[in-house]
Amino acid sequence: MAVRLLLVAGAPDDAILDAMVCHPMLVNRPIRSSPRGVRLCRPSGVVFGLLDRPLPDGFVKEDDTPMVAQDG
C-alpha cells in the first residue's frame, strides 16, 4: 500500500515524528532536496533526476554497490 503524506514547510517536529511513528517506512528513506525538487530516494537511483551533475566514475554506495546513472 502506498502512503502519500504532505508536510508543509515549517511543520512542527511533533507532526513529522507522528507521521514517522504511524508510517515507519518513512524512517528508512533518504530524502534529497535540490533546486529541482524534493524526493524520497528509494530505490537510490531515483536521486539521479535531482542531481546537478553526473556521478563521478567509480562512485559506490555505502554497501560497496556501484552506482550507475540510469542513462549509462
N, C-alpha and C. Protein backbone atom coordinates (compact mmCIF):
# COMPACT_ATOMS: atom_id res chain seq x y z
N MET A 1 0.83 -1.18 0.00
CA MET A 1 0.00 0.00 0.00
C MET A 1 0.88 1.24 0.00
N ALA A 2 0.69 2.12 -0.93
CA ALA A 2 1.46 3.35 -1.00
C ALA A 2 0.88 4.36 -0.01
N VAL A 3 1.77 5.09 0.62
CA VAL A 3 1.36 6.13 1.56
C VAL A 3 1.83 7.46 1.01
N ARG A 4 0.94 8.41 0.94
CA ARG A 4 1.31 9.75 0.46
C ARG A 4 1.05 10.73 1.59
N LEU A 5 2.09 11.41 1.99
CA LEU A 5 1.98 12.40 3.05
C LEU A 5 2.43 13.74 2.52
N LEU A 6 1.84 14.79 3.02
CA LEU A 6 2.25 16.13 2.66
C LEU A 6 2.50 16.89 3.95
N LEU A 7 3.73 17.31 4.14
CA LEU A 7 4.07 18.15 5.27
C LEU A 7 4.47 19.51 4.72
N VAL A 8 3.84 20.52 5.21
CA VAL A 8 4.13 21.87 4.73
C VAL A 8 5.43 22.37 5.34
N ALA A 9 6.05 23.33 4.66
CA ALA A 9 7.26 23.95 5.18
C ALA A 9 6.95 24.51 6.57
N GLY A 10 7.83 24.26 7.49
CA GLY A 10 7.64 24.75 8.85
C GLY A 10 6.76 23.85 9.70
N ALA A 11 6.46 22.64 9.21
CA ALA A 11 5.65 21.72 10.01
C ALA A 11 6.35 21.47 11.34
N PRO A 12 5.59 21.42 12.43
CA PRO A 12 6.23 21.20 13.73
C PRO A 12 6.86 19.81 13.81
N ASP A 13 7.91 19.72 14.58
CA ASP A 13 8.61 18.44 14.74
C ASP A 13 7.65 17.33 15.18
N ASP A 14 6.69 17.66 16.05
CA ASP A 14 5.74 16.65 16.52
C ASP A 14 4.95 16.04 15.37
N ALA A 15 4.57 16.86 14.39
CA ALA A 15 3.81 16.34 13.24
C ALA A 15 4.68 15.40 12.42
N ILE A 16 5.94 15.76 12.24
CA ILE A 16 6.86 14.90 11.48
C ILE A 16 7.09 13.58 12.23
N LEU A 17 7.33 13.67 13.53
CA LEU A 17 7.57 12.46 14.32
C LEU A 17 6.32 11.58 14.37
N ASP A 18 5.15 12.19 14.48
CA ASP A 18 3.91 11.40 14.46
C ASP A 18 3.76 10.65 13.14
N ALA A 19 4.07 11.31 12.03
CA ALA A 19 3.99 10.65 10.72
C ALA A 19 4.96 9.48 10.65
N MET A 20 6.15 9.65 11.21
CA MET A 20 7.15 8.58 11.19
C MET A 20 6.72 7.40 12.05
N VAL A 21 6.04 7.67 13.17
CA VAL A 21 5.55 6.59 14.04
C VAL A 21 4.41 5.84 13.35
N CYS A 22 3.52 6.59 12.71
CA CYS A 22 2.38 5.97 12.02
C CYS A 22 2.80 5.21 10.77
N HIS A 23 3.88 5.66 10.13
CA HIS A 23 4.34 5.08 8.87
C HIS A 23 5.85 4.84 8.95
N PRO A 24 6.28 3.77 9.66
CA PRO A 24 7.71 3.52 9.90
C PRO A 24 8.56 3.45 8.64
N MET A 25 7.94 3.13 7.50
CA MET A 25 8.73 3.07 6.28
C MET A 25 9.37 4.41 5.94
N LEU A 26 8.85 5.50 6.48
CA LEU A 26 9.43 6.82 6.22
C LEU A 26 10.79 6.99 6.88
N VAL A 27 11.04 6.24 7.92
CA VAL A 27 12.29 6.40 8.68
C VAL A 27 13.49 5.96 7.85
N ASN A 28 13.33 4.95 7.03
CA ASN A 28 14.45 4.42 6.25
C ASN A 28 14.34 4.87 4.79
N ARG A 29 14.14 6.14 4.59
CA ARG A 29 14.04 6.67 3.24
C ARG A 29 14.90 7.92 3.14
N PRO A 30 15.94 7.85 2.34
CA PRO A 30 16.76 9.06 2.18
C PRO A 30 15.96 10.13 1.44
N ILE A 31 15.98 11.32 1.98
CA ILE A 31 15.28 12.44 1.37
C ILE A 31 16.31 13.37 0.76
N ARG A 32 16.12 13.72 -0.50
CA ARG A 32 17.04 14.60 -1.22
C ARG A 32 16.29 15.86 -1.61
N SER A 33 16.89 16.98 -1.27
CA SER A 33 16.33 18.28 -1.63
C SER A 33 17.32 19.00 -2.53
N SER A 34 16.84 19.56 -3.62
CA SER A 34 17.69 20.31 -4.54
C SER A 34 16.83 21.36 -5.23
N PRO A 35 17.43 22.25 -5.99
CA PRO A 35 16.62 23.21 -6.74
C PRO A 35 15.64 22.54 -7.71
N ARG A 36 15.89 21.28 -8.03
CA ARG A 36 15.00 20.54 -8.94
C ARG A 36 13.82 19.88 -8.22
N GLY A 37 13.79 19.94 -6.89
CA GLY A 37 12.69 19.38 -6.14
C GLY A 37 13.15 18.58 -4.94
N VAL A 38 12.20 17.93 -4.29
CA VAL A 38 12.45 17.09 -3.12
C VAL A 38 11.82 15.73 -3.39
N ARG A 39 12.58 14.67 -3.12
CA ARG A 39 12.05 13.31 -3.35
C ARG A 39 12.54 12.37 -2.28
N LEU A 40 11.73 11.36 -2.02
CA LEU A 40 12.18 10.22 -1.25
C LEU A 40 12.92 9.33 -2.23
N CYS A 41 14.15 9.05 -1.97
CA CYS A 41 15.01 8.38 -2.97
C CYS A 41 15.20 6.91 -2.66
N ARG A 42 14.15 6.15 -2.82
CA ARG A 42 14.22 4.71 -2.67
C ARG A 42 13.46 4.13 -3.83
N PRO A 43 14.02 3.39 -4.73
CA PRO A 43 15.41 2.97 -4.72
C PRO A 43 16.35 4.15 -4.96
N SER A 44 17.58 3.96 -4.58
CA SER A 44 18.54 5.06 -4.58
C SER A 44 18.75 5.69 -5.95
N GLY A 45 18.48 4.98 -7.03
CA GLY A 45 18.64 5.55 -8.36
C GLY A 45 17.69 6.69 -8.66
N VAL A 46 16.64 6.85 -7.85
CA VAL A 46 15.69 7.94 -8.03
C VAL A 46 16.39 9.29 -7.90
N VAL A 47 17.48 9.34 -7.16
CA VAL A 47 18.18 10.59 -6.90
C VAL A 47 18.79 11.20 -8.17
N PHE A 48 19.04 10.41 -9.18
CA PHE A 48 19.72 10.94 -10.38
C PHE A 48 18.98 12.12 -11.01
N GLY A 49 17.65 12.11 -10.97
CA GLY A 49 16.89 13.19 -11.55
C GLY A 49 17.00 14.51 -10.80
N LEU A 50 17.54 14.47 -9.59
CA LEU A 50 17.69 15.68 -8.77
C LEU A 50 19.10 16.23 -8.73
N LEU A 51 20.06 15.48 -9.24
CA LEU A 51 21.46 15.90 -9.16
C LEU A 51 21.78 17.00 -10.18
N ASP A 52 22.67 17.89 -9.77
CA ASP A 52 23.11 18.98 -10.64
C ASP A 52 24.15 18.53 -11.66
N ARG A 53 24.84 17.44 -11.36
CA ARG A 53 25.90 16.94 -12.24
C ARG A 53 25.94 15.42 -12.14
N PRO A 54 26.54 14.76 -13.10
CA PRO A 54 26.60 13.29 -13.05
C PRO A 54 27.52 12.81 -11.92
N LEU A 55 27.27 11.58 -11.51
CA LEU A 55 28.14 10.98 -10.50
C LEU A 55 29.54 10.77 -11.08
N PRO A 56 30.56 10.86 -10.25
CA PRO A 56 31.91 10.57 -10.75
C PRO A 56 32.05 9.09 -11.09
N ASP A 57 32.90 8.77 -12.03
CA ASP A 57 33.16 7.36 -12.36
C ASP A 57 33.63 6.62 -11.12
N GLY A 58 33.14 5.42 -10.95
CA GLY A 58 33.58 4.59 -9.84
C GLY A 58 32.86 4.88 -8.52
N PHE A 59 31.81 5.70 -8.54
CA PHE A 59 31.10 6.02 -7.31
C PHE A 59 30.37 4.77 -6.81
N VAL A 60 30.50 4.49 -5.51
CA VAL A 60 29.84 3.33 -4.91
C VAL A 60 29.02 3.76 -3.70
N LYS A 61 27.95 3.02 -3.43
CA LYS A 61 27.13 3.28 -2.25
C LYS A 61 27.87 2.79 -1.01
N GLU A 62 27.28 3.09 0.16
CA GLU A 62 27.91 2.73 1.43
C GLU A 62 28.08 1.23 1.59
N ASP A 63 27.31 0.42 0.85
CA ASP A 63 27.45 -1.04 0.94
C ASP A 63 28.35 -1.59 -0.17
N ASP A 64 29.11 -0.70 -0.81
CA ASP A 64 30.05 -1.04 -1.90
C ASP A 64 29.37 -1.45 -3.20
N THR A 65 28.08 -1.16 -3.34
CA THR A 65 27.38 -1.41 -4.59
C THR A 65 27.67 -0.26 -5.55
N PRO A 66 28.13 -0.55 -6.76
CA PRO A 66 28.39 0.53 -7.72
C PRO A 66 27.10 1.27 -8.07
N MET A 67 27.19 2.58 -8.17
CA MET A 67 26.06 3.40 -8.61
C MET A 67 26.31 3.81 -10.05
N VAL A 68 25.40 3.44 -10.91
CA VAL A 68 25.50 3.78 -12.33
C VAL A 68 24.24 4.53 -12.70
N ALA A 69 24.41 5.70 -13.32
CA ALA A 69 23.27 6.51 -13.72
C ALA A 69 22.37 5.73 -14.67
N GLN A 70 21.09 6.05 -14.68
CA GLN A 70 20.11 5.33 -15.49
C GLN A 70 20.45 5.42 -16.98
N ASP A 71 21.14 6.47 -17.38
CA ASP A 71 21.48 6.60 -18.80
C ASP A 71 22.82 5.98 -19.14
N GLY A 72 23.39 5.24 -18.21
CA GLY A 72 24.60 4.52 -18.54
C GLY A 72 25.72 4.74 -17.62
